[in-house]
Amino acid sequence: MIITTTPNVEGRKVKEYKGIVFGEVISGVNFIKDFAAGLTNIFGGRSGSYEGELIEAREAALREMEKRAGAIGANAVIGIDIDYEVLGQGGNMLMVTASGTAVIVE
């Protein structure tokens, strides 16, 4: 499966548009990660615990989108967009949505 943010796949022609596909992930951030991030906020630097959670959620959303594209017969997803939102009381939930156009390319 080819996955790209570009509107086409260079050197390949879009043969058929299958439709828009999505992959959504909502991930909770636990107390330990919140505590570690709080220390990073006080002392400075990057929050490895939050970065790791973000990477995992993004990869899971992309995998889910790819699975849905394959289920409708696509061999590529073009024009991918990834959005991030914070949800829940206290902002302790992270939502990552990946979307794109499922296509068949030659």
PDB file of N, CA and C in Angstrom:
ATOM      1  N   MET A   1       0.851  -1.182   0.000  1.00  0.00           N
ATOM      2  CA  MET A   1       0.000   0.000   0.000  1.00  0.00           C
ATOM      3  C   MET A   1       0.891   1.237   0.000  1.00  0.00           C
ATOM      4  N   ILE A   2       0.664   2.115  -0.959  1.00  0.00           N
ATOM      5  CA  ILE A   2       1.377   3.391  -1.022  1.00  0.00           C
ATOM      6  C   ILE A   2       0.571   4.415  -0.237  1.00  0.00           C
ATOM      7  N   ILE A   3       1.229   5.120   0.656  1.00  0.00           N
ATOM      8  CA  ILE A   3       0.582   6.159   1.451  1.00  0.00           C
ATOM      9  C   ILE A   3       1.404   7.433   1.295  1.00  0.00           C
ATOM     10  N   THR A   4       0.736   8.524   0.860  1.00  0.00           N
ATOM     11  CA  THR A   4       1.468   9.757   0.610  1.00  0.00           C
ATOM     12  C   THR A   4       0.612  10.989   0.897  1.00  0.00           C
ATOM     13  N   THR A   5       1.269  12.063   1.272  1.00  0.00           N
ATOM     14  CA  THR A   5       0.569  13.329   1.490  1.00  0.00           C
ATOM     15  C   THR A   5       0.355  14.088   0.185  1.00  0.00           C
ATOM     16  N   THR A   6       1.009  13.646  -0.869  1.00  0.00           N
ATOM     17  CA  THR A   6       0.895  14.332  -2.159  1.00  0.00           C
ATOM     18  C   THR A   6      -0.413  13.944  -2.853  1.00  0.00           C
ATOM     19  N   PRO A   7      -0.877  14.755  -3.816  1.00  0.00           N
ATOM     20  CA  PRO A   7      -2.146  14.465  -4.482  1.00  0.00           C
ATOM     21  C   PRO A   7      -2.058  13.375  -5.553  1.00  0.00           C
ATOM     22  N   ASN A   8      -0.871  12.840  -5.770  1.00  0.00           N
ATOM     23  CA  ASN A   8      -0.700  11.753  -6.738  1.00  0.00           C
ATOM     24  C   ASN A   8       0.550  10.963  -6.367  1.00  0.00           C
ATOM     25  N   VAL A   9       0.766   9.875  -7.090  1.00  0.00           N
ATOM     26  CA  VAL A   9       1.970   9.066  -6.897  1.00  0.00           C
ATOM     27  C   VAL A   9       2.807   9.262  -8.153  1.00  0.00           C
ATOM     28  N   GLU A  10       3.974   9.856  -7.994  1.00  0.00           N
ATOM     29  CA  GLU A  10       4.809  10.166  -9.159  1.00  0.00           C
ATOM     30  C   GLU A  10       5.092   8.915  -9.981  1.00  0.00           C
ATOM     31  N   GLY A  11       4.883   9.055 -11.291  1.00  0.00           N
ATOM     32  CA  GLY A  11       5.140   7.958 -12.209  1.00  0.00           C
ATOM     33  C   GLY A  11       4.020   6.935 -12.288  1.00  0.00           C
ATOM     34  N   ARG A  12       2.954   7.131 -11.517  1.00  0.00           N
ATOM     35  CA  ARG A  12       1.822   6.202 -11.516  1.00  0.00           C
ATOM     36  C   ARG A  12       0.547   6.991 -11.808  1.00  0.00           C
ATOM     37  N   LYS A  13      -0.352   6.397 -12.547  1.00  0.00           N
ATOM     38  CA  LYS A  13      -1.608   7.046 -12.895  1.00  0.00           C
ATOM     39  C   LYS A  13      -2.722   6.520 -11.998  1.00  0.00           C
ATOM     40  N   VAL A  14      -3.562   7.436 -11.494  1.00  0.00           N
ATOM     41  CA  VAL A  14      -4.720   7.019 -10.713  1.00  0.00           C
ATOM     42  C   VAL A  14      -5.733   6.416 -11.680  1.00  0.00           C
ATOM     43  N   LYS A  15      -6.022   5.140 -11.463  1.00  0.00           N
ATOM     44  CA  LYS A  15      -6.950   4.408 -12.322  1.00  0.00           C
ATOM     45  C   LYS A  15      -8.391   4.529 -11.817  1.00  0.00           C
ATOM     46  N   GLU A  16      -8.547   4.539 -10.478  1.00  0.00           N
ATOM     47  CA  GLU A  16      -9.882   4.590  -9.895  1.00  0.00           C
ATOM     48  C   GLU A  16      -9.829   5.231  -8.508  1.00  0.00           C
ATOM     49  N   TYR A  17     -10.799   6.105  -8.243  1.00  0.00           N
ATOM     50  CA  TYR A  17     -10.959   6.704  -6.916  1.00  0.00           C
ATOM     51  C   TYR A  17     -11.978   5.861  -6.145  1.00  0.00           C
ATOM     52  N   LYS A  18     -11.578   5.392  -4.967  1.00  0.00           N
ATOM     53  CA  LYS A  18     -12.449   4.529  -4.174  1.00  0.00           C
ATOM     54  C   LYS A  18     -13.209   5.298  -3.094  1.00  0.00           C
ATOM     55  N   GLY A  19     -12.715   6.449  -2.698  1.00  0.00           N
ATOM     56  CA  GLY A  19     -13.396   7.250  -1.677  1.00  0.00           C
ATOM     57  C   GLY A  19     -12.448   7.690  -0.574  1.00  0.00           C
ATOM     58  N   ILE A  20     -12.989   8.482   0.321  1.00  0.00           N
ATOM     59  CA  ILE A  20     -12.217   8.999   1.457  1.00  0.00           C
ATOM     60  C   ILE A  20     -12.185   7.938   2.549  1.00  0.00           C
ATOM     61  N   VAL A  21     -11.007   7.751   3.131  1.00  0.00           N
ATOM     62  CA  VAL A  21     -10.852   6.802   4.234  1.00  0.00           C
ATOM     63  C   VAL A  21     -10.266   7.521   5.440  1.00  0.00           C
ATOM     64  N   PHE A  22     -10.590   7.009   6.616  1.00  0.00           N
ATOM     65  CA  PHE A  22     -10.139   7.601   7.866  1.00  0.00           C
ATOM     66  C   PHE A  22      -9.540   6.537   8.769  1.00  0.00           C
ATOM     67  N   GLY A  23      -8.686   6.981   9.647  1.00  0.00           N
ATOM     68  CA  GLY A  23      -8.191   6.162  10.745  1.00  0.00           C
ATOM     69  C   GLY A  23      -8.198   7.044  11.978  1.00  0.00           C
ATOM     70  N   GLU A  24      -8.879   6.621  13.017  1.00  0.00           N
ATOM     71  CA  GLU A  24      -8.977   7.421  14.235  1.00  0.00           C
ATOM     72  C   GLU A  24      -8.453   6.640  15.428  1.00  0.00           C
ATOM     73  N   VAL A  25      -7.759   7.350  16.301  1.00  0.00           N
ATOM     74  CA  VAL A  25      -7.260   6.750  17.538  1.00  0.00           C
ATOM     75  C   VAL A  25      -7.473   7.760  18.655  1.00  0.00           C
ATOM     76  N   ILE A  26      -8.044   7.291  19.751  1.00  0.00           N
ATOM     77  CA  ILE A  26      -8.145   8.117  20.953  1.00  0.00           C
ATOM     78  C   ILE A  26      -7.345   7.412  22.028  1.00  0.00           C
ATOM     79  N   SER A  27      -6.380   8.119  22.564  1.00  0.00           N
ATOM     80  CA  SER A  27      -5.437   7.515  23.495  1.00  0.00           C
ATOM     81  C   SER A  27      -5.427   8.304  24.801  1.00  0.00           C
ATOM     82  N   GLY A  28      -5.480   7.586  25.904  1.00  0.00           N
ATOM     83  CA  GLY A  28      -5.403   8.222  27.218  1.00  0.00           C
ATOM     84  C   GLY A  28      -3.956   8.349  27.662  1.00  0.00           C
ATOM     85  N   VAL A  29      -3.676   9.413  28.370  1.00  0.00           N
ATOM     86  CA  VAL A  29      -2.334   9.624  28.920  1.00  0.00           C
ATOM     87  C   VAL A  29      -2.439   9.358  30.420  1.00  0.00           C
ATOM     88  N   ASN A  30      -1.655   8.420  30.903  1.00  0.00           N
ATOM     89  CA  ASN A  30      -1.793   8.025  32.302  1.00  0.00           C
ATOM     90  C   ASN A  30      -1.057   8.948  33.273  1.00  0.00           C
ATOM     91  N   PHE A  31      -1.257   8.716  34.553  1.00  0.00           N
ATOM     92  CA  PHE A  31      -0.712   9.544  35.615  1.00  0.00           C
ATOM     93  C   PHE A  31       0.815   9.640  35.560  1.00  0.00           C
ATOM     94  N   ILE A  32       1.490   8.546  35.308  1.00  0.00           N
ATOM     95  CA  ILE A  32       2.960   8.534  35.289  1.00  0.00           C
ATOM     96  C   ILE A  32       3.478   9.438  34.170  1.00  0.00           C
ATOM     97  N   LYS A  33       2.874   9.348  32.990  1.00  0.00           N
ATOM     98  CA  LYS A  33       3.293  10.205  31.876  1.00  0.00           C
ATOM     99  C   LYS A  33       3.002  11.664  32.188  1.00  0.00           C
ATOM    100  N   ASP A  34       1.838  11.938  32.819  1.00  0.00           N
ATOM    101  CA  ASP A  34       1.516  13.316  33.211  1.00  0.00           C
ATOM    102  C   ASP A  34       2.548  13.854  34.195  1.00  0.00           C
ATOM    103  N   PHE A  35       2.935  13.020  35.154  1.00  0.00           N
ATOM    104  CA  PHE A  35       3.911  13.433  36.160  1.00  0.00           C
ATOM    105  C   PHE A  35       5.265  13.730  35.513  1.00  0.00           C
ATOM    106  N   ALA A  36       5.711  12.829  34.635  1.00  0.00           N
ATOM    107  CA  ALA A  36       6.997  13.016  33.947  1.00  0.00           C
ATOM    108  C   ALA A  36       6.967  14.263  33.068  1.00  0.00           C
ATOM    109  N   ALA A  37       5.851  14.477  32.391  1.00  0.00           N
ATOM    110  CA  ALA A  37       5.725  15.666  31.539  1.00  0.00           C
ATOM    111  C   ALA A  37       5.721  16.932  32.388  1.00  0.00           C
ATOM    112  N   GLY A  38       5.107  16.856  33.571  1.00  0.00           N
ATOM    113  CA  GLY A  38       5.102  18.003  34.477  1.00  0.00           C
ATOM    114  C   GLY A  38       6.516  18.373  34.906  1.00  0.00           C
ATOM    115  N   LEU A  39       7.345  17.370  35.172  1.00  0.00           N
ATOM    116  CA  LEU A  39       8.741  17.642  35.528  1.00  0.00           C
ATOM    117  C   LEU A  39       9.485  18.282  34.360  1.00  0.00           C
ATOM    118  N   THR A  40       9.228  17.806  33.172  1.00  0.00           N
ATOM    119  CA  THR A  40       9.853  18.385  31.984  1.00  0.00           C
ATOM    120  C   THR A  40       9.428  19.831  31.829  1.00  0.00           C
ATOM    121  N   ASN A  41       8.163  20.116  32.122  1.00  0.00           N
ATOM    122  CA  ASN A  41       7.649  21.475  32.022  1.00  0.00           C
ATOM    123  C   ASN A  41       8.366  22.395  33.006  1.00  0.00           C
ATOM    124  N   ILE A  42       8.661  21.886  34.188  1.00  0.00           N
ATOM    125  CA  ILE A  42       9.343  22.680  35.212  1.00  0.00           C
ATOM    126  C   ILE A  42      10.817  22.875  34.864  1.00  0.00           C
ATOM    127  N   PHE A  43      11.499  21.808  34.480  1.00  0.00           N
ATOM    128  CA  PHE A  43      12.935  21.859  34.271  1.00  0.00           C
ATOM    129  C   PHE A  43      13.351  22.099  32.823  1.00  0.00           C
ATOM    130  N   GLY A  44      12.417  22.037  31.911  1.00  0.00           N
ATOM    131  CA  GLY A  44      12.721  22.266  30.495  1.00  0.00           C
ATOM    132  C   GLY A  44      13.069  20.977  29.774  1.00  0.00           C
ATOM    133  N   GLY A  45      13.167  21.080  28.470  1.00  0.00           N
ATOM    134  CA  GLY A  45      13.516  19.915  27.660  1.00  0.00           C
ATOM    135  C   GLY A  45      12.306  19.325  26.969  1.00  0.00           C
ATOM    136  N   ARG A  46      12.518  18.209  26.321  1.00  0.00           N
ATOM    137  CA  ARG A  46      11.467  17.525  25.570  1.00  0.00           C
ATOM    138  C   ARG A  46      10.811  16.469  26.446  1.00  0.00           C
ATOM    139  N   SER A  47       9.528  16.251  26.226  1.00  0.00           N
ATOM    140  CA  SER A  47       8.792  15.251  26.983  1.00  0.00           C
ATOM    141  C   SER A  47       8.764  13.949  26.197  1.00  0.00           C
ATOM    142  N   GLY A  48       9.688  13.069  26.508  1.00  0.00           N
ATOM    143  CA  GLY A  48       9.773  11.785  25.822  1.00  0.00           C
ATOM    144  C   GLY A  48       8.521  10.946  25.988  1.00  0.00           C
ATOM    145  N   SER A  49       7.876  11.021  27.160  1.00  0.00           N
ATOM    146  CA  SER A  49       6.678  10.208  27.381  1.00  0.00           C
ATOM    147  C   SER A  49       5.534  10.669  26.485  1.00  0.00           C
ATOM    148  N   TYR A  50       5.319  11.975  26.374  1.00  0.00           N
ATOM    149  CA  TYR A  50       4.262  12.485  25.490  1.00  0.00           C
ATOM    150  C   TYR A  50       4.623  12.285  24.021  1.00  0.00           C
ATOM    151  N   GLU A  51       5.885  12.476  23.669  1.00  0.00           N
ATOM    152  CA  GLU A  51       6.297  12.263  22.280  1.00  0.00           C
ATOM    153  C   GLU A  51       6.067  10.813  21.877  1.00  0.00           C
ATOM    154  N   GLY A  52       6.393   9.891  22.746  1.00  0.00           N
ATOM    155  CA  GLY A  52       6.173   8.474  22.460  1.00  0.00           C
ATOM    156  C   GLY A  52       4.699   8.164  22.270  1.00  0.00           C
ATOM    157  N   GLU A  53       3.856   8.730  23.114  1.00  0.00           N
ATOM    158  CA  GLU A  53       2.411   8.527  23.002  1.00  0.00           C
ATOM    159  C   GLU A  53       1.890   9.089  21.680  1.00  0.00           C
ATOM    160  N   LEU A  54       2.387  10.244  21.293  1.00  0.00           N
ATOM    161  CA  LEU A  54       1.975  10.877  20.038  1.00  0.00           C
ATOM    162  C   LEU A  54       2.400  10.038  18.831  1.00  0.00           C
ATOM    163  N   ILE A  55       3.619   9.542  18.845  1.00  0.00           N
ATOM    164  CA  ILE A  55       4.117   8.701  17.748  1.00  0.00           C
ATOM    165  C   ILE A  55       3.280   7.432  17.622  1.00  0.00           C
ATOM    166  N   GLU A  56       3.009   6.768  18.747  1.00  0.00           N
ATOM    167  CA  GLU A  56       2.207   5.542  18.727  1.00  0.00           C
ATOM    168  C   GLU A  56       0.803   5.801  18.191  1.00  0.00           C
ATOM    169  N   ALA A  57       0.180   6.891  18.630  1.00  0.00           N
ATOM    170  CA  ALA A  57      -1.182   7.210  18.189  1.00  0.00           C
ATOM    171  C   ALA A  57      -1.204   7.530  16.698  1.00  0.00           C
ATOM    172  N   ARG A  58      -0.220   8.277  16.221  1.00  0.00           N
ATOM    173  CA  ARG A  58      -0.167   8.621  14.789  1.00  0.00           C
ATOM    174  C   ARG A  58       0.018   7.365  13.941  1.00  0.00           C
ATOM    175  N   GLU A  59       0.929   6.492  14.330  1.00  0.00           N
ATOM    176  CA  GLU A  59       1.170   5.260  13.577  1.00  0.00           C
ATOM    177  C   GLU A  59      -0.063   4.358  13.582  1.00  0.00           C
ATOM    178  N   ALA A  60      -0.769   4.294  14.706  1.00  0.00           N
ATOM    179  CA  ALA A  60      -1.984   3.477  14.789  1.00  0.00           C
ATOM    180  C   ALA A  60      -3.085   4.043  13.884  1.00  0.00           C
ATOM    181  N   ALA A  61      -3.225   5.369  13.840  1.00  0.00           N
ATOM    182  CA  ALA A  61      -4.229   5.995  12.972  1.00  0.00           C
ATOM    183  C   ALA A  61      -3.910   5.721  11.501  1.00  0.00           C
ATOM    184  N   LEU A  62      -2.640   5.794  11.128  1.00  0.00           N
ATOM    185  CA  LEU A  62      -2.245   5.504   9.748  1.00  0.00           C
ATOM    186  C   LEU A  62      -2.496   4.040   9.389  1.00  0.00           C
ATOM    187  N   ARG A  63      -2.197   3.131  10.318  1.00  0.00           N
ATOM    188  CA  ARG A  63      -2.451   1.701  10.082  1.00  0.00           C
ATOM    189  C   ARG A  63      -3.947   1.437   9.904  1.00  0.00           C
ATOM    190  N   GLU A  64      -4.766   2.072  10.723  1.00  0.00           N
ATOM    191  CA  GLU A  64      -6.218   1.899  10.633  1.00  0.00           C
ATOM    192  C   GLU A  64      -6.735   2.426   9.296  1.00  0.00           C
ATOM    193  N   MET A  65      -6.236   3.581   8.853  1.00  0.00           N
ATOM    194  CA  MET A  65      -6.636   4.147   7.567  1.00  0.00           C
ATOM    195  C   MET A  65      -6.217   3.222   6.428  1.00  0.00           C
ATOM    196  N   GLU A  66      -5.007   2.699   6.497  1.00  0.00           N
ATOM    197  CA  GLU A  66      -4.503   1.782   5.478  1.00  0.00           C
ATOM    198  C   GLU A  66      -5.352   0.515   5.413  1.00  0.00           C
ATOM    199  N   LYS A  67      -5.740  -0.011   6.576  1.00  0.00           N
ATOM    200  CA  LYS A  67      -6.576  -1.210   6.635  1.00  0.00           C
ATOM    201  C   LYS A  67      -7.933  -0.950   5.978  1.00  0.00           C
ATOM    202  N   ARG A  68      -8.518   0.198   6.240  1.00  0.00           N
ATOM    203  CA  ARG A  68      -9.822   0.534   5.657  1.00  0.00           C
ATOM    204  C   ARG A  68      -9.711   0.736   4.147  1.00  0.00           C
ATOM    205  N   ALA A  69      -8.605   1.316   3.688  1.00  0.00           N
ATOM    206  CA  ALA A  69      -8.402   1.482   2.244  1.00  0.00           C
ATOM    207  C   ALA A  69      -8.286   0.123   1.566  1.00  0.00           C
ATOM    208  N   GLY A  70      -7.539  -0.790   2.167  1.00  0.00           N
ATOM    209  CA  GLY A  70      -7.389  -2.132   1.618  1.00  0.00           C
ATOM    210  C   GLY A  70      -8.715  -2.881   1.567  1.00  0.00           C
ATOM    211  N   ALA A  71      -9.568  -2.643   2.557  1.00  0.00           N
ATOM    212  CA  ALA A  71     -10.860  -3.320   2.614  1.00  0.00           C
ATOM    213  C   ALA A  71     -11.786  -2.915   1.473  1.00  0.00           C
ATOM    214  N   ILE A  72     -11.559  -1.738   0.887  1.00  0.00           N
ATOM    215  CA  ILE A  72     -12.402  -1.316  -0.245  1.00  0.00           C
ATOM    216  C   ILE A  72     -11.668  -1.477  -1.579  1.00  0.00           C
ATOM    217  N   GLY A  73     -10.535  -2.185  -1.553  1.00  0.00           N
ATOM    218  CA  GLY A  73      -9.839  -2.537  -2.781  1.00  0.00           C
ATOM    219  C   GLY A  73      -8.805  -1.547  -3.280  1.00  0.00           C
ATOM    220  N   ALA A  74      -8.428  -0.580  -2.474  1.00  0.00           N
ATOM    221  CA  ALA A  74      -7.422   0.402  -2.886  1.00  0.00           C
ATOM    222  C   ALA A  74      -6.014  -0.172  -2.740  1.00  0.00           C
ATOM    223  N   ASN A  75      -5.074   0.350  -3.539  1.00  0.00           N
ATOM    224  CA  ASN A  75      -3.675  -0.020  -3.356  1.00  0.00           C
ATOM    225  C   ASN A  75      -2.814   1.188  -3.012  1.00  0.00           C
ATOM    226  N   ALA A  76      -3.493   2.347  -2.791  1.00  0.00           N
ATOM    227  CA  ALA A  76      -2.785   3.562  -2.388  1.00  0.00           C
ATOM    228  C   ALA A  76      -3.762   4.504  -1.696  1.00  0.00           C
ATOM    229  N   VAL A  77      -3.211   5.376  -0.857  1.00  0.00           N
ATOM    230  CA  VAL A  77      -3.984   6.461  -0.261  1.00  0.00           C
ATOM    231  C   VAL A  77      -3.192   7.731  -0.518  1.00  0.00           C
ATOM    232  N   ILE A  78      -3.841   8.698  -1.170  1.00  0.00           N
ATOM    233  CA  ILE A  78      -3.172   9.949  -1.520  1.00  0.00           C
ATOM    234  C   ILE A  78      -3.795  11.107  -0.737  1.00  0.00           C
ATOM    235  N   GLY A  79      -3.071  12.223  -0.697  1.00  0.00           N
ATOM    236  CA  GLY A  79      -3.575  13.425  -0.045  1.00  0.00           C
ATOM    237  C   GLY A  79      -3.802  13.263   1.441  1.00  0.00           C
ATOM    238  N   ILE A  80      -2.943  12.529   2.108  1.00  0.00           N
ATOM    239  CA  ILE A  80      -3.129  12.244   3.532  1.00  0.00           C
ATOM    240  C   ILE A  80      -2.980  13.511   4.373  1.00  0.00           C
ATOM    241  N   ASP A  81      -3.869  13.623   5.345  1.00  0.00           N
ATOM    242  CA  ASP A  81      -3.829  14.710   6.324  1.00  0.00           C
ATOM    243  C   ASP A  81      -3.927  14.077   7.700  1.00  0.00           C
ATOM    244  N   ILE A  82      -3.158  14.579   8.643  1.00  0.00           N
ATOM    245  CA  ILE A  82      -3.204  14.074  10.014  1.00  0.00           C
ATOM    246  C   ILE A  82      -3.563  15.230  10.928  1.00  0.00           C
ATOM    247  N   ASP A  83      -4.581  15.013  11.769  1.00  0.00           N
ATOM    248  CA  ASP A  83      -5.035  16.031  12.720  1.00  0.00           C
ATOM    249  C   ASP A  83      -4.890  15.504  14.139  1.00  0.00           C
ATOM    250  N   TYR A  84      -4.620  16.421  15.051  1.00  0.00           N
ATOM    251  CA  TYR A  84      -4.453  16.091  16.462  1.00  0.00           C
ATOM    252  C   TYR A  84      -5.404  16.956  17.279  1.00  0.00           C
ATOM    253  N   GLU A  85      -6.042  16.365  18.270  1.00  0.00           N
ATOM    254  CA  GLU A  85      -6.927  17.089  19.178  1.00  0.00           C
ATOM    255  C   GLU A  85      -6.707  16.578  20.592  1.00  0.00           C
ATOM    256  N   VAL A  86      -6.918  17.436  21.570  1.00  0.00           N
ATOM    257  CA  VAL A  86      -6.863  17.053  22.973  1.00  0.00           C
ATOM    258  C   VAL A  86      -8.296  17.030  23.478  1.00  0.00           C
ATOM    259  N   LEU A  87      -8.675  15.941  24.143  1.00  0.00           N
ATOM    260  CA  LEU A  87     -10.046  15.746  24.626  1.00  0.00           C
ATOM    261  C   LEU A  87     -10.047  15.426  26.106  1.00  0.00           C
ATOM    262  N   GLY A  88     -11.239  15.395  26.675  1.00  0.00           N
ATOM    263  CA  GLY A  88     -11.420  14.952  28.054  1.00  0.00           C
ATOM    264  C   GLY A  88     -11.196  16.054  29.063  1.00  0.00           C
ATOM    265  N   GLN A  89     -11.697  15.812  30.262  1.00  0.00           N
ATOM    266  CA  GLN A  89     -11.481  16.765  31.343  1.00  0.00           C
ATOM    267  C   GLN A  89      -9.992  16.827  31.654  1.00  0.00           C
ATOM    268  N   GLY A  90      -9.468  17.999  31.699  1.00  0.00           N
ATOM    269  CA  GLY A  90      -8.046  18.167  31.977  1.00  0.00           C
ATOM    270  C   GLY A  90      -7.164  17.878  30.781  1.00  0.00           C
ATOM    271  N   GLY A  91      -7.757  17.644  29.627  1.00  0.00           N
ATOM    272  CA  GLY A  91      -6.959  17.410  28.427  1.00  0.00           C
ATOM    273  C   GLY A  91      -6.113  16.157  28.487  1.00  0.00           C
ATOM    274  N   ASN A  92      -6.625  15.092  29.109  1.00  0.00           N
ATOM    275  CA  ASN A  92      -5.815  13.887  29.283  1.00  0.00           C
ATOM    276  C   ASN A  92      -6.048  12.820  28.218  1.00  0.00           C
ATOM    277  N   MET A  93      -6.768  13.167  27.149  1.00  0.00           N
ATOM    278  CA  MET A  93      -6.995  12.240  26.041  1.00  0.00           C
ATOM    279  C   MET A  93      -6.478  12.880  24.761  1.00  0.00           C
ATOM    280  N   LEU A  94      -5.839  12.093  23.936  1.00  0.00           N
ATOM    281  CA  LEU A  94      -5.291  12.560  22.667  1.00  0.00           C
ATOM    282  C   LEU A  94      -6.019  11.846  21.540  1.00  0.00           C
ATOM    283  N   MET A  95      -6.558  12.632  20.594  1.00  0.00           N
ATOM    284  CA  MET A  95      -7.205  12.039  19.425  1.00  0.00           C
ATOM    285  C   MET A  95      -6.366  12.368  18.194  1.00  0.00           C
ATOM    286  N   VAL A  96      -6.044  11.341  17.425  1.00  0.00           N
ATOM    287  CA  VAL A  96      -5.311  11.513  16.197  1.00  0.00           C
ATOM    288  C   VAL A  96      -6.179  10.947  15.076  1.00  0.00           C
ATOM    289  N   THR A  97      -6.390  11.751  14.025  1.00  0.00           N
ATOM    290  CA  THR A  97      -7.182  11.322  12.882  1.00  0.00           C
ATOM    291  C   THR A  97      -6.335  11.434  11.631  1.00  0.00           C
ATOM    292  N   ALA A  98      -6.268  10.364  10.866  1.00  0.00           N
ATOM    293  CA  ALA A  98      -5.591  10.367   9.560  1.00  0.00           C
ATOM    294  C   ALA A  98      -6.667  10.182   8.502  1.00  0.00           C
ATOM    295  N   SER A  99      -6.612  10.995   7.457  1.00  0.00           N
ATOM    296  CA  SER A  99      -7.584  10.863   6.364  1.00  0.00           C
ATOM    297  C   SER A  99      -6.887  11.030   5.033  1.00  0.00           C
ATOM    298  N   GLY A 100      -7.478  10.445   4.016  1.00  0.00           N
ATOM    299  CA  GLY A 100      -6.922  10.553   2.671  1.00  0.00           C
ATOM    300  C   GLY A 100      -7.877   9.943   1.665  1.00  0.00           C
ATOM    301  N   THR A 101      -7.500   9.988   0.407  1.00  0.00           N
ATOM    302  CA  THR A 101      -8.327   9.431  -0.659  1.00  0.00           C
ATOM    303  C   THR A 101      -7.768   8.080  -1.076  1.00  0.00           C
ATOM    304  N   ALA A 102      -8.591   7.058  -0.928  1.00  0.00           N
ATOM    305  CA  ALA A 102      -8.210   5.707  -1.329  1.00  0.00           C
ATOM    306  C   ALA A 102      -8.342   5.598  -2.850  1.00  0.00           C
ATOM    307  N   VAL A 103      -7.299   5.100  -3.511  1.00  0.00           N
ATOM    308  CA  VAL A 103      -7.290   4.996  -4.972  1.00  0.00           C
ATOM    309  C   VAL A 103      -6.662   3.691  -5.396  1.00  0.00           C
ATOM    310  N   ILE A 104      -6.866   3.384  -6.675  1.00  0.00           N
ATOM    311  CA  ILE A 104      -6.116   2.304  -7.317  1.00  0.00           C
ATOM    312  C   ILE A 104      -5.191   2.994  -8.312  1.00  0.00           C
ATOM    313  N   VAL A 105      -3.884   2.747  -8.186  1.00  0.00           N
ATOM    314  CA  VAL A 105      -2.918   3.306  -9.118  1.00  0.00           C
ATOM    315  C   VAL A 105      -2.350   2.197  -9.983  1.00  0.00           C
ATOM    316  N   GLU A 106      -1.986   2.554 -11.214  1.00  0.00           N
ATOM    317  CA  GLU A 106      -1.405   1.575 -12.155  1.00  0.00           C
ATOM    318  C   GLU A 106       0.089   1.517 -11.942  1.00  0.00           C
TER     319      GLU A 106
END
